PDB file of N, CA and C in Angstrom:
ATOM      1  N   MET A   1      14.597 -10.474 -10.028  1.00  0.00           N
ATOM      2  CA  MET A   1      13.918  -9.292  -8.220  1.00  0.00           C
ATOM      3  C   MET A   1      12.191 -11.357  -7.868  1.00  0.00           C
ATOM      4  N   THR A   2      11.922 -10.957  -8.404  1.00  0.00           N
ATOM      5  CA  THR A   2      11.151 -11.960  -8.283  1.00  0.00           C
ATOM      6  C   THR A   2      11.619 -13.387  -7.412  1.00  0.00           C
ATOM      7  N   GLU A   3      11.771 -13.475  -6.618  1.00  0.00           N
ATOM      8  CA  GLU A   3      12.316 -15.333  -6.168  1.00  0.00           C
ATOM      9  C   GLU A   3      10.850 -16.156  -5.423  1.00  0.00           C
ATOM     10  N   SER A   4      10.341 -17.212  -5.048  1.00  0.00           N
ATOM     11  CA  SER A   4       9.986 -17.685  -4.633  1.00  0.00           C
ATOM     12  C   SER A   4      10.288 -17.708  -2.880  1.00  0.00           C
ATOM     13  N   ALA A   5       8.539 -17.770  -2.152  1.00  0.00           N
ATOM     14  CA  ALA A   5       8.313 -17.085  -0.790  1.00  0.00           C
ATOM     15  C   ALA A   5       9.600 -17.391  -0.193  1.00  0.00           C
ATOM     16  N   ALA A   6      10.078 -18.663  -0.691  1.00  0.00           N
ATOM     17  CA  ALA A   6      10.921 -18.605   0.650  1.00  0.00           C
ATOM     18  C   ALA A   6      13.164 -18.180   0.794  1.00  0.00           C
ATOM     19  N   GLY A   7      12.456 -17.235  -0.716  1.00  0.00           N
ATOM     20  CA  GLY A   7      14.217 -16.734  -1.986  1.00  0.00           C
ATOM     21  C   GLY A   7      13.932 -15.765  -1.087  1.00  0.00           C
ATOM     22  N   GLY A   8      12.559 -15.057  -0.740  1.00  0.00           N
ATOM     23  CA  GLY A   8      12.610 -13.611   0.066  1.00  0.00           C
ATOM     24  C   GLY A   8      12.054 -12.674  -0.642  1.00  0.00           C
ATOM     25  N   SER A   9      11.716 -12.620  -2.011  1.00  0.00           N
ATOM     26  CA  SER A   9      11.144 -11.835  -2.402  1.00  0.00           C
ATOM     27  C   SER A   9       9.589 -12.224  -2.828  1.00  0.00           C
ATOM     28  N   TYR A  10       8.942 -10.453  -3.103  1.00  0.00           N
ATOM     29  CA  TYR A  10       7.055 -11.112  -3.176  1.00  0.00           C
ATOM     30  C   TYR A  10       6.936 -10.374  -3.994  1.00  0.00           C
ATOM     31  N   SER A  11       7.763 -10.221  -5.290  1.00  0.00           N
ATOM     32  CA  SER A  11       7.007  -8.616  -5.789  1.00  0.00           C
ATOM     33  C   SER A  11       5.557  -9.105  -7.151  1.00  0.00           C
ATOM     34  N   ASN A  12       6.074 -10.377  -6.914  1.00  0.00           N
ATOM     35  CA  ASN A  12       4.279 -11.170  -7.528  1.00  0.00           C
ATOM     36  C   ASN A  12       3.355 -11.446  -7.368  1.00  0.00           C
ATOM     37  N   VAL A  13       2.975 -10.343  -6.275  1.00  0.00           N
ATOM     38  CA  VAL A  13       1.895 -10.309  -5.687  1.00  0.00           C
ATOM     39  C   VAL A  13       0.945  -9.404  -6.468  1.00  0.00           C
ATOM     40  N   VAL A  14      -0.149  -9.449  -7.025  1.00  0.00           N
ATOM     41  CA  VAL A  14      -0.847  -8.659  -7.791  1.00  0.00           C
ATOM     42  C   VAL A  14      -2.535  -8.659  -7.245  1.00  0.00           C
ATOM     43  N   VAL A  15      -2.840  -7.659  -6.326  1.00  0.00           N
ATOM     44  CA  VAL A  15      -4.613  -6.917  -6.212  1.00  0.00           C
ATOM     45  C   VAL A  15      -4.489  -6.623  -7.530  1.00  0.00           C
ATOM     46  N   SER A  16      -5.675  -7.629  -7.560  1.00  0.00           N
ATOM     47  CA  SER A  16      -6.945  -6.852  -8.660  1.00  0.00           C
ATOM     48  C   SER A  16      -7.515  -5.395  -8.176  1.00  0.00           C
ATOM     49  N   PRO A  17      -8.449  -5.093  -9.536  1.00  0.00           N
ATOM     50  CA  PRO A  17      -9.057  -3.849  -9.136  1.00  0.00           C
ATOM     51  C   PRO A  17     -10.286  -4.787  -8.085  1.00  0.00           C
ATOM     52  N   VAL A  18     -11.288  -3.498  -7.300  1.00  0.00           N
ATOM     53  CA  VAL A  18     -12.288  -3.967  -6.669  1.00  0.00           C
ATOM     54  C   VAL A  18     -13.175  -4.812  -7.913  1.00  0.00           C
ATOM     55  N   MET A  19     -13.959  -5.537  -7.638  1.00  0.00           N
ATOM     56  CA  MET A  19     -14.659  -6.443  -8.304  1.00  0.00           C
ATOM     57  C   MET A  19     -16.684  -6.475  -7.309  1.00  0.00           C
ATOM     58  N   ALA A  20     -17.225  -6.229  -8.542  1.00  0.00           N
ATOM     59  CA  ALA A  20     -19.251  -6.153  -8.371  1.00  0.00           C
ATOM     60  C   ALA A  20     -19.241  -7.445  -7.201  1.00  0.00           C
ATOM     61  N   GLY A  21     -19.583  -7.040  -5.793  1.00  0.00           N
ATOM     62  CA  GLY A  21     -20.495  -8.886  -5.026  1.00  0.00           C
ATOM     63  C   GLY A  21     -21.136  -7.482  -3.930  1.00  0.00           C
ATOM     64  N   SER A  22     -21.161  -9.287  -2.852  1.00  0.00           N
ATOM     65  CA  SER A  22     -22.167  -8.490  -1.996  1.00  0.00           C
ATOM     66  C   SER A  22     -21.454  -9.268  -1.284  1.00  0.00           C
ATOM     67  N   PRO A  23     -20.106  -7.910   0.236  1.00  0.00           N
ATOM     68  CA  PRO A  23     -19.446  -7.625   0.090  1.00  0.00           C
ATOM     69  C   PRO A  23     -18.296  -6.792  -1.863  1.00  0.00           C
ATOM     70  N   PRO A  24     -18.128  -6.250  -2.054  1.00  0.00           N
ATOM     71  CA  PRO A  24     -17.171  -6.090  -3.409  1.00  0.00           C
ATOM     72  C   PRO A  24     -15.878  -6.534  -2.840  1.00  0.00           C
ATOM     73  N   PHE A  25     -14.911  -7.200  -3.429  1.00  0.00           N
ATOM     74  CA  PHE A  25     -13.952  -8.251  -2.897  1.00  0.00           C
ATOM     75  C   PHE A  25     -12.867  -7.886  -4.001  1.00  0.00           C
ATOM     76  N   ARG A  26     -11.381  -8.003  -3.887  1.00  0.00           N
ATOM     77  CA  ARG A  26     -10.494  -8.008  -4.850  1.00  0.00           C
ATOM     78  C   ARG A  26      -9.215  -9.188  -4.912  1.00  0.00           C
ATOM     79  N   ILE A  27      -9.172  -9.677  -6.072  1.00  0.00           N
ATOM     80  CA  ILE A  27      -8.681 -11.120  -6.033  1.00  0.00           C
ATOM     81  C   ILE A  27      -6.750 -10.612  -5.610  1.00  0.00           C
ATOM     82  N   VAL A  28      -6.168 -11.612  -4.988  1.00  0.00           N
ATOM     83  CA  VAL A  28      -4.537 -12.071  -4.260  1.00  0.00           C
ATOM     84  C   VAL A  28      -4.673 -12.875  -5.334  1.00  0.00           C
ATOM     85  N   GLN A  29      -3.523 -13.261  -6.072  1.00  0.00           N
ATOM     86  CA  GLN A  29      -2.837 -13.045  -7.343  1.00  0.00           C
ATOM     87  C   GLN A  29      -1.491 -13.056  -6.477  1.00  0.00           C
ATOM     88  N   VAL A  30      -0.510 -14.913  -6.223  1.00  0.00           N
ATOM     89  CA  VAL A  30       1.059 -14.626  -5.990  1.00  0.00           C
ATOM     90  C   VAL A  30       1.608 -15.836  -6.777  1.00  0.00           C
ATOM     91  N   CYS A  31       2.209 -15.130  -7.302  1.00  0.00           N
ATOM     92  CA  CYS A  31       3.184 -15.725  -8.308  1.00  0.00           C
ATOM     93  C   CYS A  31       2.501 -16.052  -9.311  1.00  0.00           C
ATOM     94  N   GLY A  32       1.297 -15.572  -9.687  1.00  0.00           N
ATOM     95  CA  GLY A  32       0.597 -16.111 -11.120  1.00  0.00           C
ATOM     96  C   GLY A  32      -1.212 -16.772 -11.074  1.00  0.00           C
ATOM     97  N   GLU A  33      -0.450 -17.279  -9.299  1.00  0.00           N
ATOM     98  CA  GLU A  33      -1.659 -17.983  -9.023  1.00  0.00           C
ATOM     99  C   GLU A  33      -2.882 -17.237  -8.221  1.00  0.00           C
ATOM    100  N   VAL A  34      -3.673 -17.432  -8.090  1.00  0.00           N
ATOM    101  CA  VAL A  34      -4.918 -17.402  -7.352  1.00  0.00           C
ATOM    102  C   VAL A  34      -4.776 -18.050  -5.953  1.00  0.00           C
ATOM    103  N   ALA A  35      -3.975 -17.078  -5.104  1.00  0.00           N
ATOM    104  CA  ALA A  35      -4.257 -16.631  -3.275  1.00  0.00           C
ATOM    105  C   ALA A  35      -6.007 -16.595  -2.662  1.00  0.00           C
ATOM    106  N   GLY A  36      -6.464 -16.138  -3.273  1.00  0.00           N
ATOM    107  CA  GLY A  36      -8.172 -15.843  -2.439  1.00  0.00           C
ATOM    108  C   GLY A  36      -8.566 -14.783  -3.122  1.00  0.00           C
ATOM    109  N   ARG A  37     -10.192 -14.677  -2.077  1.00  0.00           N
ATOM    110  CA  ARG A  37     -10.962 -12.999  -2.283  1.00  0.00           C
ATOM    111  C   ARG A  37      -9.872 -12.547  -1.176  1.00  0.00           C
ATOM    112  N   ALA A  38     -10.057 -11.335  -1.180  1.00  0.00           N
ATOM    113  CA  ALA A  38      -9.545 -10.080   0.040  1.00  0.00           C
ATOM    114  C   ALA A  38     -11.066  -9.316  -0.071  1.00  0.00           C
ATOM    115  N   HIS A  39     -11.463  -8.633   0.901  1.00  0.00           N
ATOM    116  CA  HIS A  39     -12.561  -7.433   1.152  1.00  0.00           C
ATOM    117  C   HIS A  39     -12.309  -7.013   1.691  1.00  0.00           C
ATOM    118  N   ASP A  40     -11.326  -6.667   2.114  1.00  0.00           N
ATOM    119  CA  ASP A  40     -10.593  -5.945   2.592  1.00  0.00           C
ATOM    120  C   ASP A  40      -8.726  -5.570   3.218  1.00  0.00           C
ATOM    121  N   VAL A  41      -7.870  -5.095   3.607  1.00  0.00           N
ATOM    122  CA  VAL A  41      -6.791  -5.158   3.134  1.00  0.00           C
ATOM    123  C   VAL A  41      -6.050  -6.373   4.603  1.00  0.00           C
ATOM    124  N   ILE A  42      -7.256  -6.160   5.178  1.00  0.00           N
ATOM    125  CA  ILE A  42      -6.646  -7.517   6.699  1.00  0.00           C
ATOM    126  C   ILE A  42      -6.238  -8.919   5.961  1.00  0.00           C
ATOM    127  N   ASP A  43      -8.215  -9.072   5.281  1.00  0.00           N
ATOM    128  CA  ASP A  43      -7.864 -10.370   4.196  1.00  0.00           C
ATOM    129  C   ASP A  43      -6.467 -10.407   3.420  1.00  0.00           C
ATOM    130  N   VAL A  44      -6.300  -9.544   2.537  1.00  0.00           N
ATOM    131  CA  VAL A  44      -4.503  -8.934   1.602  1.00  0.00           C
ATOM    132  C   VAL A  44      -3.658  -9.970   2.503  1.00  0.00           C
ATOM    133  N   ILE A  45      -3.713  -9.763   3.581  1.00  0.00           N
ATOM    134  CA  ILE A  45      -2.370 -10.391   4.644  1.00  0.00           C
ATOM    135  C   ILE A  45      -3.178 -11.665   5.184  1.00  0.00           C
ATOM    136  N   HIS A  46      -3.790 -11.856   5.784  1.00  0.00           N
ATOM    137  CA  HIS A  46      -3.918 -12.957   6.137  1.00  0.00           C
ATOM    138  C   HIS A  46      -4.075 -14.014   4.837  1.00  0.00           C
ATOM    139  N   LEU A  47      -4.263 -13.757   3.654  1.00  0.00           N
ATOM    140  CA  LEU A  47      -3.868 -14.563   2.238  1.00  0.00           C
ATOM    141  C   LEU A  47      -2.539 -14.788   2.196  1.00  0.00           C
ATOM    142  N   LEU A  48      -1.732 -13.828   2.157  1.00  0.00           N
ATOM    143  CA  LEU A  48      -0.878 -13.219   2.391  1.00  0.00           C
ATOM    144  C   LEU A  48       0.421 -14.307   2.933  1.00  0.00           C
ATOM    145  N   ARG A  49       0.053 -14.437   4.630  1.00  0.00           N
ATOM    146  CA  ARG A  49       0.036 -15.128   5.436  1.00  0.00           C
ATOM    147  C   ARG A  49       0.567 -16.700   5.649  1.00  0.00           C
ATOM    148  N   ALA A  50      -0.671 -17.125   4.661  1.00  0.00           N
ATOM    149  CA  ALA A  50      -1.474 -18.611   4.152  1.00  0.00           C
ATOM    150  C   ALA A  50      -0.353 -18.879   3.235  1.00  0.00           C
ATOM    151  N   VAL A  51       0.581 -18.175   2.458  1.00  0.00           N
ATOM    152  CA  VAL A  51       0.995 -18.634   0.930  1.00  0.00           C
ATOM    153  C   VAL A  51       2.105 -18.586   1.258  1.00  0.00           C
ATOM    154  N   GLY A  52       2.653 -17.887   2.718  1.00  0.00           N
ATOM    155  CA  GLY A  52       4.130 -17.775   3.456  1.00  0.00           C
ATOM    156  C   GLY A  52       5.335 -16.188   3.391  1.00  0.00           C
ATOM    157  N   ILE A  53       4.311 -15.535   3.213  1.00  0.00           N
ATOM    158  CA  ILE A  53       4.508 -14.355   3.398  1.00  0.00           C
ATOM    159  C   ILE A  53       3.972 -13.055   4.788  1.00  0.00           C
ATOM    160  N   PRO A  54       5.017 -13.943   5.413  1.00  0.00           N
ATOM    161  CA  PRO A  54       4.297 -13.384   6.686  1.00  0.00           C
ATOM    162  C   PRO A  54       4.037 -11.494   7.092  1.00  0.00           C
ATOM    163  N   HIS A  55       5.164 -11.173   6.500  1.00  0.00           N
ATOM    164  CA  HIS A  55       5.652  -9.701   7.159  1.00  0.00           C
ATOM    165  C   HIS A  55       5.544  -8.931   5.583  1.00  0.00           C
ATOM    166  N   PRO A  56       4.545  -9.072   4.407  1.00  0.00           N
ATOM    167  CA  PRO A  56       4.281  -7.875   3.925  1.00  0.00           C
ATOM    168  C   PRO A  56       4.180  -6.796   3.953  1.00  0.00           C
ATOM    169  N   ASP A  57       5.429  -5.692   3.017  1.00  0.00           N
ATOM    170  CA  ASP A  57       5.309  -4.448   3.021  1.00  0.00           C
ATOM    171  C   ASP A  57       4.206  -4.028   2.515  1.00  0.00           C
ATOM    172  N   LEU A  58       3.107  -3.445   2.566  1.00  0.00           N
ATOM    173  CA  LEU A  58       2.059  -3.458   0.989  1.00  0.00           C
ATOM    174  C   LEU A  58       1.997  -2.287   0.476  1.00  0.00           C
ATOM    175  N   ASP A  59       2.956  -1.032   1.057  1.00  0.00           N
ATOM    176  CA  ASP A  59       3.312   0.230   0.548  1.00  0.00           C
ATOM    177  C   ASP A  59       4.491   0.419  -0.142  1.00  0.00           C
ATOM    178  N   ASP A  60       5.176  -0.627  -0.817  1.00  0.00           N
ATOM    179  CA  ASP A  60       6.396  -0.784  -1.199  1.00  0.00           C
ATOM    180  C   ASP A  60       5.991  -1.708  -2.247  1.00  0.00           C
ATOM    181  N   PRO A  61       5.981  -0.713  -3.840  1.00  0.00           N
ATOM    182  CA  PRO A  61       5.377  -1.268  -5.319  1.00  0.00           C
ATOM    183  C   PRO A  61       6.078  -2.927  -5.499  1.00  0.00           C
ATOM    184  N   SER A  62       8.225  -2.328  -5.016  1.00  0.00           N
ATOM    185  CA  SER A  62       8.616  -4.262  -5.514  1.00  0.00           C
ATOM    186  C   SER A  62       7.761  -5.305  -4.830  1.00  0.00           C
ATOM    187  N   VAL A  63       6.976  -5.426  -3.634  1.00  0.00           N
ATOM    188  CA  VAL A  63       6.222  -6.311  -3.088  1.00  0.00           C
ATOM    189  C   VAL A  63       4.403  -6.368  -3.873  1.00  0.00           C
ATOM    190  N   VAL A  64       4.283  -5.430  -3.912  1.00  0.00           N
ATOM    191  CA  VAL A  64       2.621  -5.933  -4.031  1.00  0.00           C
ATOM    192  C   VAL A  64       2.654  -4.601  -5.023  1.00  0.00           C
ATOM    193  N   ARG A  65       1.278  -5.194  -6.332  1.00  0.00           N
ATOM    194  CA  ARG A  65       0.403  -4.315  -7.424  1.00  0.00           C
ATOM    195  C   ARG A  65      -0.165  -4.195  -6.884  1.00  0.00           C
ATOM    196  N   TRP A  66      -0.599  -3.347  -6.518  1.00  0.00           N
ATOM    197  CA  TRP A  66      -2.162  -2.196  -6.504  1.00  0.00           C
ATOM    198  C   TRP A  66      -3.366  -2.411  -7.760  1.00  0.00           C
ATOM    199  N   GLU A  67      -4.140  -2.979  -8.212  1.00  0.00           N
ATOM    200  CA  GLU A  67      -4.565  -2.739  -9.379  1.00  0.00           C
ATOM    201  C   GLU A  67      -5.542  -1.568  -9.267  1.00  0.00           C
ATOM    202  N   GLY A  68      -5.734  -0.277 -10.059  1.00  0.00           N
ATOM    203  CA  GLY A  68      -7.435   0.030  -9.515  1.00  0.00           C
ATOM    204  C   GLY A  68      -7.649   0.721  -8.319  1.00  0.00           C
ATOM    205  N   GLY A  69      -6.914   1.123  -8.237  1.00  0.00           N
ATOM    206  CA  GLY A  69      -6.590   1.691  -6.286  1.00  0.00           C
ATOM    207  C   GLY A  69      -5.876   0.741  -5.336  1.00  0.00           C
ATOM    208  N   ASP A  70      -4.858   2.147  -4.765  1.00  0.00           N
ATOM    209  CA  ASP A  70      -4.416   1.217  -3.427  1.00  0.00           C
ATOM    210  C   ASP A  70      -5.080   0.032  -2.552  1.00  0.00           C
ATOM    211  N   LYS A  71      -4.340   0.233  -1.463  1.00  0.00           N
ATOM    212  CA  LYS A  71      -5.116  -0.571   0.006  1.00  0.00           C
ATOM    213  C   LYS A  71      -6.116   0.112   0.502  1.00  0.00           C
ATOM    214  N   PHE A  72      -6.124   1.479  -0.306  1.00  0.00           N
ATOM    215  CA  PHE A  72      -7.772   1.751   0.933  1.00  0.00           C
ATOM    216  C   PHE A  72      -8.381   1.901  -0.195  1.00  0.00           C
ATOM    217  N   THR A  73      -8.682   1.137  -0.669  1.00  0.00           N
ATOM    218  CA  THR A  73      -9.786   1.660  -2.314  1.00  0.00           C
ATOM    219  C   THR A  73     -10.025  -0.427  -2.545  1.00  0.00           C
ATOM    220  N   TRP A  74     -11.810  -0.012  -2.084  1.00  0.00           N
ATOM    221  CA  TRP A  74     -12.522  -1.386  -1.548  1.00  0.00           C
ATOM    222  C   TRP A  74     -13.609  -1.283  -2.111  1.00  0.00           C
ATOM    223  N   GLY A  75     -14.531   0.297  -2.610  1.00  0.00           N
ATOM    224  CA  GLY A  75     -15.663   0.431  -3.165  1.00  0.00           C
ATOM    225  C   GLY A  75     -15.749  -0.345  -4.642  1.00  0.00           C
ATOM    226  N   VAL A  76     -16.615  -0.394  -5.268  1.00  0.00           N
ATOM    227  CA  VAL A  76     -17.098  -0.508  -7.138  1.00  0.00           C
ATOM    228  C   VAL A  76     -16.841   1.138  -7.225  1.00  0.00           C
ATOM    229  N   ARG A  77     -15.964   1.462  -8.376  1.00  0.00           N
ATOM    230  CA  ARG A  77     -15.863   2.762  -9.075  1.00  0.00           C
ATOM    231  C   ARG A  77     -17.159   2.538 -10.221  1.00  0.00           C
ATOM    232  N   GLY A  78     -17.558   3.421 -10.486  1.00  0.00           N
ATOM    233  CA  GLY A  78     -18.819   3.988 -11.391  1.00  0.00           C
ATOM    234  C   GLY A  78     -19.934   3.812 -10.695  1.00  0.00           C
ATOM    235  N   LYS A  79     -20.812   3.391  -9.644  1.00  0.00           N
ATOM    236  CA  LYS A  79     -21.403   2.610  -9.411  1.00  0.00           C
ATOM    237  C   LYS A  79     -22.242   3.695  -8.322  1.00  0.00           C
TER     238      LYS A  79
END
Protein backbone atom coordinates (compact mmCIF):
# COMPACT_ATOMS: atom_id res chain seq x y z
CA MET A 1 0.00 0.00 0.00
CA THR A 2 2.95 2.31 0.31
CA GLU A 3 4.31 3.73 -2.90
CA SER A 4 6.26 6.80 -3.84
CA ALA A 5 4.51 10.14 -4.23
CA ALA A 6 4.47 9.49 -7.97
CA GLY A 7 2.64 6.20 -7.33
CA GLY A 8 -0.24 7.90 -5.58
CA SER A 9 -0.20 6.31 -2.11
CA TYR A 10 0.98 8.24 0.94
CA SER A 11 0.53 5.91 3.90
CA ASN A 12 4.13 6.59 4.91
CA VAL A 13 3.30 10.04 6.32
CA VAL A 14 3.91 10.18 10.08
CA VAL A 15 3.30 13.20 12.30
CA SER A 16 5.16 12.87 15.62
CA PRO A 17 3.78 13.70 19.06
CA VAL A 18 3.97 17.35 20.08
CA MET A 19 7.44 18.39 21.21
CA ALA A 20 8.24 21.19 23.62
CA GLY A 21 9.36 24.38 21.99
CA SER A 22 8.39 27.97 21.65
CA PRO A 23 5.96 27.38 20.04
CA PRO A 24 5.43 23.61 20.39
CA PHE A 25 5.88 21.63 17.16
CA ARG A 26 5.53 18.22 15.55
CA ILE A 27 7.98 16.54 13.18
CA VAL A 28 6.51 15.41 9.85
CA GLN A 29 8.11 12.43 8.11
CA VAL A 30 7.39 11.12 4.63
CA CYS A 31 8.72 7.67 3.71
CA GLY A 32 11.05 7.78 6.73
CA GLU A 33 12.59 11.13 5.77
CA VAL A 34 12.02 14.28 7.80
CA ALA A 35 9.96 16.76 5.77
CA GLY A 36 10.12 19.43 8.47
CA ARG A 37 8.59 20.91 11.60
CA ALA A 38 4.93 21.80 11.81
CA HIS A 39 3.42 24.22 14.30
CA ASP A 40 -0.14 23.62 13.12
CA VAL A 41 -2.14 21.58 10.64
CA ILE A 42 -1.60 24.18 7.89
CA ASP A 43 2.16 23.61 8.21
CA VAL A 44 1.57 19.87 7.72
CA ILE A 45 -0.33 20.58 4.50
CA HIS A 46 2.44 22.90 3.24
CA LEU A 47 5.16 20.35 4.04
CA LEU A 48 3.29 17.57 2.25
CA ARG A 49 2.70 19.74 -0.80
CA ALA A 50 6.41 20.58 -0.86
CA VAL A 51 7.27 16.87 -1.18
CA GLY A 52 4.71 16.22 -3.91
CA ILE A 53 1.54 15.34 -2.03
CA PRO A 54 -0.83 18.07 -3.27
CA HIS A 55 -4.15 17.06 -1.65
CA PRO A 56 -3.53 14.90 1.43
CA ASP A 57 -6.56 13.50 3.27
CA LEU A 58 -5.44 14.20 6.82
CA ASP A 59 -8.40 12.25 8.24
CA ASP A 60 -7.50 8.99 6.49
CA PRO A 61 -5.24 6.79 8.68
CA SER A 62 -3.94 5.04 5.54
CA VAL A 63 -2.61 8.43 4.42
CA VAL A 64 -1.36 10.03 7.66
CA ARG A 65 -0.47 8.43 10.99
CA TRP A 66 -0.89 10.96 13.81
CA GLU A 67 1.16 9.98 16.86
CA GLY A 68 0.36 11.39 20.29
CA GLY A 69 -2.90 12.99 19.20
CA ASP A 70 -4.87 13.96 16.14
CA LYS A 71 -4.61 16.88 13.73
CA PHE A 72 -6.10 19.17 16.39
CA THR A 73 -3.44 18.34 19.04
CA TRP A 74 -0.75 21.01 19.14
CA GLY A 75 -0.08 21.58 22.84
CA VAL A 76 2.44 19.72 25.00
CA ARG A 77 0.68 17.28 27.31
CA GLY A 78 1.40 17.15 31.01
CA LYS A 79 2.70 20.71 31.26
